[in-house]
Amino acid sequence: MKKYILSFILAAAASVATAAPPSQESIEKLLTLTRSEALIDSTYVSAEKIFQQSLQKATEGRTLNAAQQRIFDGLPAKFIGVLREEVSWPKLKAQYVRIYQDTFDQDEIDGLIGFTARPQDRP
């Protein structure tokens, strides 16, 4: 019995060791199919709304002078500008590709593409 278990473990380890790493192109295809960039864009919109609500709550019941109001009115756009710059899709995409390459092999990425793709998008 121990020989069978050891053989199974060695066979499993050998199959993992020989698994092909995923290509950047296949990961980018998966990211396109899952509309990852659009999800990030929708996050910016949600973050801006939450930020505006937080500002309203912070000033609730208070009267702002004209200078303070101008500052508060400009904060959401500045916040989103910094967010879009620091957490931009090109920066995130590079991180996604690296994470997928470290986590999945080519067969797994191909399986995810097959599962995600519409029939007309499949190879």
N, C-alpha and C. Protein backbone atom coordinates (compact mmCIF):
# COMPACT_ATOMS: atom_id res chain seq x y z
N MET A 1 0.82 -1.20 0.00
CA MET A 1 0.00 0.00 0.00
C MET A 1 0.86 1.26 0.00
N LYS A 2 1.93 1.25 0.81
CA LYS A 2 2.81 2.41 0.87
C LYS A 2 3.45 2.68 -0.48
N LYS A 3 3.74 1.62 -1.23
CA LYS A 3 4.35 1.78 -2.56
C LYS A 3 3.38 2.50 -3.49
N TYR A 4 2.10 2.17 -3.40
CA TYR A 4 1.10 2.80 -4.26
C TYR A 4 0.93 4.29 -3.94
N ILE A 5 0.90 4.56 -2.66
CA ILE A 5 0.76 5.97 -2.24
C ILE A 5 1.97 6.77 -2.69
N LEU A 6 3.17 6.20 -2.47
CA LEU A 6 4.39 6.88 -2.88
C LEU A 6 4.41 7.07 -4.40
N SER A 7 3.99 6.07 -5.16
CA SER A 7 3.93 6.18 -6.62
C SER A 7 2.97 7.28 -7.04
N PHE A 8 1.83 7.34 -6.38
CA PHE A 8 0.84 8.37 -6.70
C PHE A 8 1.39 9.76 -6.43
N ILE A 9 2.04 9.93 -5.30
CA ILE A 9 2.61 11.23 -4.94
C ILE A 9 3.69 11.63 -5.94
N LEU A 10 4.54 10.69 -6.31
CA LEU A 10 5.60 10.99 -7.28
C LEU A 10 5.02 11.33 -8.65
N ALA A 11 3.99 10.60 -9.05
CA ALA A 11 3.35 10.88 -10.34
C ALA A 11 2.69 12.25 -10.34
N ALA A 12 2.03 12.59 -9.24
CA ALA A 12 1.39 13.90 -9.13
C ALA A 12 2.44 15.00 -9.15
N ALA A 13 3.53 14.82 -8.45
CA ALA A 13 4.59 15.83 -8.42
C ALA A 13 5.22 15.98 -9.79
N ALA A 14 5.40 14.89 -10.49
CA ALA A 14 5.98 14.96 -11.84
C ALA A 14 5.06 15.69 -12.79
N SER A 15 3.75 15.47 -12.67
CA SER A 15 2.82 16.15 -13.57
C SER A 15 2.79 17.65 -13.28
N VAL A 16 2.91 18.03 -12.02
CA VAL A 16 2.95 19.45 -11.67
C VAL A 16 4.24 20.08 -12.18
N ALA A 17 5.33 19.36 -12.06
CA ALA A 17 6.63 19.89 -12.48
C ALA A 17 6.70 20.09 -13.99
N THR A 18 5.94 19.30 -14.75
CA THR A 18 6.01 19.40 -16.20
C THR A 18 4.90 20.26 -16.79
N ALA A 19 4.04 20.81 -15.97
CA ALA A 19 2.95 21.64 -16.46
C ALA A 19 3.51 22.91 -17.08
N ALA A 20 3.00 23.26 -18.25
CA ALA A 20 3.49 24.44 -18.96
C ALA A 20 2.97 25.71 -18.28
N PRO A 21 3.84 26.70 -18.10
CA PRO A 21 3.37 27.97 -17.54
C PRO A 21 2.48 28.66 -18.56
N PRO A 22 1.52 29.43 -18.09
CA PRO A 22 0.61 30.09 -19.03
C PRO A 22 1.30 31.24 -19.76
N SER A 23 0.89 31.45 -20.98
CA SER A 23 1.44 32.56 -21.75
C SER A 23 0.75 33.86 -21.34
N GLN A 24 1.45 34.95 -21.52
CA GLN A 24 0.87 36.26 -21.23
C GLN A 24 -0.34 36.50 -22.12
N GLU A 25 -0.25 36.07 -23.38
CA GLU A 25 -1.35 36.28 -24.32
C GLU A 25 -2.62 35.57 -23.85
N SER A 26 -2.48 34.34 -23.34
CA SER A 26 -3.67 33.62 -22.91
C SER A 26 -4.28 34.26 -21.66
N ILE A 27 -3.44 34.76 -20.78
CA ILE A 27 -3.96 35.44 -19.59
C ILE A 27 -4.66 36.73 -19.99
N GLU A 28 -4.07 37.47 -20.92
CA GLU A 28 -4.71 38.70 -21.39
C GLU A 28 -6.05 38.40 -22.06
N LYS A 29 -6.13 37.29 -22.77
CA LYS A 29 -7.40 36.89 -23.38
C LYS A 29 -8.43 36.61 -22.29
N LEU A 30 -8.02 35.92 -21.24
CA LEU A 30 -8.93 35.64 -20.13
C LEU A 30 -9.39 36.93 -19.46
N LEU A 31 -8.46 37.85 -19.26
CA LEU A 31 -8.82 39.14 -18.65
C LEU A 31 -9.80 39.91 -19.52
N THR A 32 -9.64 39.81 -20.83
CA THR A 32 -10.58 40.47 -21.75
C THR A 32 -11.95 39.81 -21.67
N LEU A 33 -11.97 38.47 -21.68
CA LEU A 33 -13.24 37.75 -21.63
C LEU A 33 -14.00 38.01 -20.34
N THR A 34 -13.27 38.18 -19.25
CA THR A 34 -13.92 38.43 -17.95
C THR A 34 -14.20 39.91 -17.72
N ARG A 35 -13.87 40.73 -18.72
CA ARG A 35 -14.12 42.17 -18.67
C ARG A 35 -13.50 42.81 -17.42
N SER A 36 -12.30 42.39 -17.10
CA SER A 36 -11.62 42.87 -15.90
C SER A 36 -11.41 44.38 -15.90
N GLU A 37 -11.05 44.93 -17.04
CA GLU A 37 -10.83 46.39 -17.11
C GLU A 37 -12.12 47.14 -16.83
N ALA A 38 -13.23 46.66 -17.37
CA ALA A 38 -14.53 47.31 -17.13
C ALA A 38 -14.92 47.22 -15.66
N LEU A 39 -14.57 46.12 -15.01
CA LEU A 39 -14.86 45.99 -13.58
C LEU A 39 -14.07 47.01 -12.77
N ILE A 40 -12.83 47.22 -13.16
CA ILE A 40 -12.00 48.22 -12.47
C ILE A 40 -12.60 49.61 -12.69
N ASP A 41 -13.01 49.90 -13.93
CA ASP A 41 -13.63 51.21 -14.21
C ASP A 41 -14.88 51.42 -13.37
N SER A 42 -15.69 50.38 -13.20
CA SER A 42 -16.90 50.53 -12.38
C SER A 42 -16.54 50.75 -10.91
N THR A 43 -15.40 50.25 -10.50
CA THR A 43 -14.94 50.47 -9.13
C THR A 43 -14.63 51.94 -8.90
N TYR A 44 -14.06 52.60 -9.91
CA TYR A 44 -13.79 54.04 -9.78
C TYR A 44 -15.09 54.81 -9.55
N VAL A 45 -16.11 54.47 -10.30
CA VAL A 45 -17.41 55.15 -10.18
C VAL A 45 -17.98 54.94 -8.79
N SER A 46 -17.92 53.69 -8.32
CA SER A 46 -18.43 53.39 -6.97
C SER A 46 -17.63 54.12 -5.90
N ALA A 47 -16.32 54.15 -6.06
CA ALA A 47 -15.48 54.83 -5.08
C ALA A 47 -15.78 56.32 -5.02
N GLU A 48 -16.04 56.92 -6.18
CA GLU A 48 -16.35 58.35 -6.21
C GLU A 48 -17.67 58.62 -5.48
N LYS A 49 -18.67 57.78 -5.70
CA LYS A 49 -19.96 57.96 -5.02
C LYS A 49 -19.80 57.81 -3.51
N ILE A 50 -19.05 56.80 -3.10
CA ILE A 50 -18.83 56.59 -1.66
C ILE A 50 -18.09 57.78 -1.06
N PHE A 51 -17.11 58.30 -1.78
CA PHE A 51 -16.34 59.45 -1.30
C PHE A 51 -17.25 60.66 -1.16
N GLN A 52 -18.10 60.91 -2.16
CA GLN A 52 -19.03 62.04 -2.10
C GLN A 52 -19.99 61.90 -0.92
N GLN A 53 -20.49 60.70 -0.69
CA GLN A 53 -21.39 60.46 0.44
C GLN A 53 -20.68 60.71 1.76
N SER A 54 -19.42 60.30 1.83
CA SER A 54 -18.65 60.51 3.05
C SER A 54 -18.44 62.00 3.32
N LEU A 55 -18.17 62.75 2.26
CA LEU A 55 -18.01 64.20 2.42
C LEU A 55 -19.31 64.85 2.88
N GLN A 56 -20.42 64.43 2.30
CA GLN A 56 -21.72 64.98 2.72
C GLN A 56 -21.99 64.67 4.17
N LYS A 57 -21.69 63.45 4.57
CA LYS A 57 -21.93 63.06 5.96
C LYS A 57 -21.01 63.85 6.90
N ALA A 58 -19.77 64.09 6.47
CA ALA A 58 -18.81 64.82 7.31
C ALA A 58 -19.23 66.27 7.51
N THR A 59 -19.95 66.83 6.54
CA THR A 59 -20.35 68.24 6.65
C THR A 59 -21.82 68.40 7.02
N GLU A 60 -22.47 67.30 7.30
CA GLU A 60 -23.90 67.34 7.64
C GLU A 60 -24.14 68.25 8.86
N GLY A 61 -25.07 69.16 8.69
CA GLY A 61 -25.42 70.06 9.78
C GLY A 61 -24.46 71.23 9.95
N ARG A 62 -23.49 71.34 9.08
CA ARG A 62 -22.53 72.44 9.16
C ARG A 62 -22.68 73.34 7.94
N THR A 63 -22.43 74.59 8.15
CA THR A 63 -22.46 75.54 7.03
C THR A 63 -21.03 75.84 6.63
N LEU A 64 -20.77 75.63 5.35
CA LEU A 64 -19.42 75.89 4.83
C LEU A 64 -19.40 77.26 4.17
N ASN A 65 -18.27 77.96 4.34
CA ASN A 65 -18.14 79.23 3.62
C ASN A 65 -17.80 78.91 2.17
N ALA A 66 -17.73 79.92 1.34
CA ALA A 66 -17.52 79.71 -0.10
C ALA A 66 -16.20 79.00 -0.39
N ALA A 67 -15.14 79.37 0.29
CA ALA A 67 -13.83 78.74 0.07
C ALA A 67 -13.86 77.27 0.46
N GLN A 68 -14.47 76.97 1.60
CA GLN A 68 -14.58 75.58 2.04
C GLN A 68 -15.43 74.76 1.06
N GLN A 69 -16.51 75.37 0.58
CA GLN A 69 -17.39 74.66 -0.36
C GLN A 69 -16.65 74.34 -1.66
N ARG A 70 -15.84 75.28 -2.15
CA ARG A 70 -15.06 75.04 -3.37
C ARG A 70 -14.08 73.88 -3.17
N ILE A 71 -13.46 73.86 -2.02
CA ILE A 71 -12.52 72.77 -1.71
C ILE A 71 -13.25 71.44 -1.69
N PHE A 72 -14.36 71.39 -0.98
CA PHE A 72 -15.14 70.16 -0.88
C PHE A 72 -15.69 69.72 -2.23
N ASP A 73 -16.08 70.69 -3.05
CA ASP A 73 -16.61 70.35 -4.38
C ASP A 73 -15.54 69.74 -5.29
N GLY A 74 -14.30 70.17 -5.10
CA GLY A 74 -13.22 69.66 -5.95
C GLY A 74 -12.58 68.37 -5.46
N LEU A 75 -12.84 67.99 -4.22
CA LEU A 75 -12.19 66.81 -3.67
C LEU A 75 -12.52 65.50 -4.39
N PRO A 76 -13.79 65.22 -4.73
CA PRO A 76 -14.06 63.93 -5.39
C PRO A 76 -13.28 63.76 -6.70
N ALA A 77 -13.21 64.79 -7.51
CA ALA A 77 -12.48 64.68 -8.78
C ALA A 77 -10.99 64.46 -8.54
N LYS A 78 -10.43 65.15 -7.55
CA LYS A 78 -9.02 64.95 -7.22
C LYS A 78 -8.77 63.54 -6.70
N PHE A 79 -9.67 63.07 -5.83
CA PHE A 79 -9.56 61.73 -5.26
C PHE A 79 -9.56 60.68 -6.37
N ILE A 80 -10.52 60.77 -7.28
CA ILE A 80 -10.63 59.80 -8.37
C ILE A 80 -9.44 59.91 -9.31
N GLY A 81 -8.94 61.13 -9.53
CA GLY A 81 -7.76 61.30 -10.37
C GLY A 81 -6.55 60.56 -9.80
N VAL A 82 -6.34 60.72 -8.51
CA VAL A 82 -5.23 60.02 -7.85
C VAL A 82 -5.46 58.50 -7.89
N LEU A 83 -6.68 58.08 -7.63
CA LEU A 83 -7.01 56.66 -7.64
C LEU A 83 -6.77 56.07 -9.03
N ARG A 84 -7.23 56.74 -10.06
CA ARG A 84 -7.04 56.24 -11.44
C ARG A 84 -5.56 56.19 -11.82
N GLU A 85 -4.78 57.12 -11.29
CA GLU A 85 -3.35 57.13 -11.61
C GLU A 85 -2.61 56.03 -10.86
N GLU A 86 -2.89 55.90 -9.58
CA GLU A 86 -2.17 54.94 -8.75
C GLU A 86 -2.65 53.50 -8.94
N VAL A 87 -3.92 53.35 -9.23
CA VAL A 87 -4.51 52.02 -9.40
C VAL A 87 -5.05 51.93 -10.83
N SER A 88 -4.19 52.24 -11.77
CA SER A 88 -4.59 52.25 -13.17
C SER A 88 -4.65 50.83 -13.73
N TRP A 89 -5.43 50.66 -14.79
CA TRP A 89 -5.55 49.34 -15.39
C TRP A 89 -4.20 48.79 -15.87
N PRO A 90 -3.33 49.57 -16.53
CA PRO A 90 -2.04 49.00 -16.94
C PRO A 90 -1.22 48.45 -15.76
N LYS A 91 -1.25 49.15 -14.63
CA LYS A 91 -0.53 48.67 -13.45
C LYS A 91 -1.19 47.41 -12.91
N LEU A 92 -2.50 47.43 -12.82
CA LEU A 92 -3.21 46.26 -12.30
C LEU A 92 -3.09 45.07 -13.24
N LYS A 93 -3.16 45.33 -14.53
CA LYS A 93 -3.08 44.25 -15.51
C LYS A 93 -1.76 43.50 -15.37
N ALA A 94 -0.67 44.23 -15.23
CA ALA A 94 0.64 43.59 -15.07
C ALA A 94 0.66 42.71 -13.82
N GLN A 95 0.02 43.18 -12.75
CA GLN A 95 -0.03 42.39 -11.52
C GLN A 95 -0.92 41.15 -11.70
N TYR A 96 -2.06 41.32 -12.38
CA TYR A 96 -2.93 40.18 -12.66
C TYR A 96 -2.18 39.12 -13.45
N VAL A 97 -1.47 39.53 -14.49
CA VAL A 97 -0.73 38.57 -15.32
C VAL A 97 0.27 37.81 -14.47
N ARG A 98 1.01 38.52 -13.64
CA ARG A 98 2.01 37.87 -12.79
C ARG A 98 1.35 36.88 -11.82
N ILE A 99 0.25 37.30 -11.21
CA ILE A 99 -0.44 36.42 -10.26
C ILE A 99 -0.98 35.17 -10.95
N TYR A 100 -1.58 35.36 -12.12
CA TYR A 100 -2.10 34.20 -12.87
C TYR A 100 -0.96 33.27 -13.28
N GLN A 101 0.18 33.84 -13.69
CA GLN A 101 1.32 33.02 -14.08
C GLN A 101 1.88 32.24 -12.89
N ASP A 102 1.86 32.84 -11.71
CA ASP A 102 2.35 32.18 -10.52
C ASP A 102 1.38 31.14 -9.97
N THR A 103 0.11 31.24 -10.35
CA THR A 103 -0.92 30.40 -9.75
C THR A 103 -1.39 29.27 -10.66
N PHE A 104 -1.50 29.53 -11.95
CA PHE A 104 -2.10 28.57 -12.87
C PHE A 104 -1.09 28.09 -13.91
N ASP A 105 -1.37 26.90 -14.48
CA ASP A 105 -0.59 26.47 -15.64
C ASP A 105 -1.42 26.72 -16.90
N GLN A 106 -0.83 26.46 -18.07
CA GLN A 106 -1.51 26.79 -19.32
C GLN A 106 -2.82 26.02 -19.48
N ASP A 107 -2.84 24.76 -19.08
CA ASP A 107 -4.08 23.98 -19.19
C ASP A 107 -5.20 24.58 -18.35
N GLU A 108 -4.86 25.07 -17.17
CA GLU A 108 -5.89 25.68 -16.31
C GLU A 108 -6.40 26.99 -16.91
N ILE A 109 -5.50 27.80 -17.45
CA ILE A 109 -5.92 29.04 -18.10
C ILE A 109 -6.79 28.72 -19.30
N ASP A 110 -6.39 27.73 -20.10
CA ASP A 110 -7.20 27.32 -21.25
C ASP A 110 -8.59 26.86 -20.79
N GLY A 111 -8.65 26.14 -19.68
CA GLY A 111 -9.93 25.71 -19.14
C GLY A 111 -10.79 26.90 -18.71
N LEU A 112 -10.18 27.88 -18.07
CA LEU A 112 -10.91 29.08 -17.67
C LEU A 112 -11.41 29.86 -18.88
N ILE A 113 -10.58 29.92 -19.92
CA ILE A 113 -11.00 30.60 -21.15
C ILE A 113 -12.18 29.85 -21.76
N GLY A 114 -12.09 28.53 -21.82
CA GLY A 114 -13.18 27.73 -22.36
C GLY A 114 -14.47 27.88 -21.58
N PHE A 115 -14.35 27.98 -20.26
CA PHE A 115 -15.53 28.13 -19.42
C PHE A 115 -16.14 29.52 -19.56
N THR A 116 -15.29 30.53 -19.71
CA THR A 116 -15.74 31.92 -19.73
C THR A 116 -16.21 32.37 -21.11
N ALA A 117 -15.59 31.85 -22.15
CA ALA A 117 -15.85 32.33 -23.51
C ALA A 117 -17.25 31.99 -23.98
N ARG A 118 -17.83 32.92 -24.74
CA ARG A 118 -19.09 32.63 -25.43
C ARG A 118 -18.76 31.69 -26.57
N PRO A 119 -19.72 30.96 -27.08
CA PRO A 119 -19.42 30.00 -28.15
C PRO A 119 -18.67 30.62 -29.34
N GLN A 120 -19.03 31.83 -29.74
CA GLN A 120 -18.36 32.45 -30.89
C GLN A 120 -16.94 32.89 -30.56
N ASP A 121 -16.58 32.97 -29.26
CA ASP A 121 -15.23 33.38 -28.88
C ASP A 121 -14.28 32.19 -28.71
N ARG A 122 -14.83 31.00 -28.70
CA ARG A 122 -14.00 29.80 -28.47
C ARG A 122 -13.22 29.45 -29.72
N PRO A 123 -12.01 28.89 -29.49
CA PRO A 123 -11.19 28.51 -30.66
C PRO A 123 -11.79 27.36 -31.43
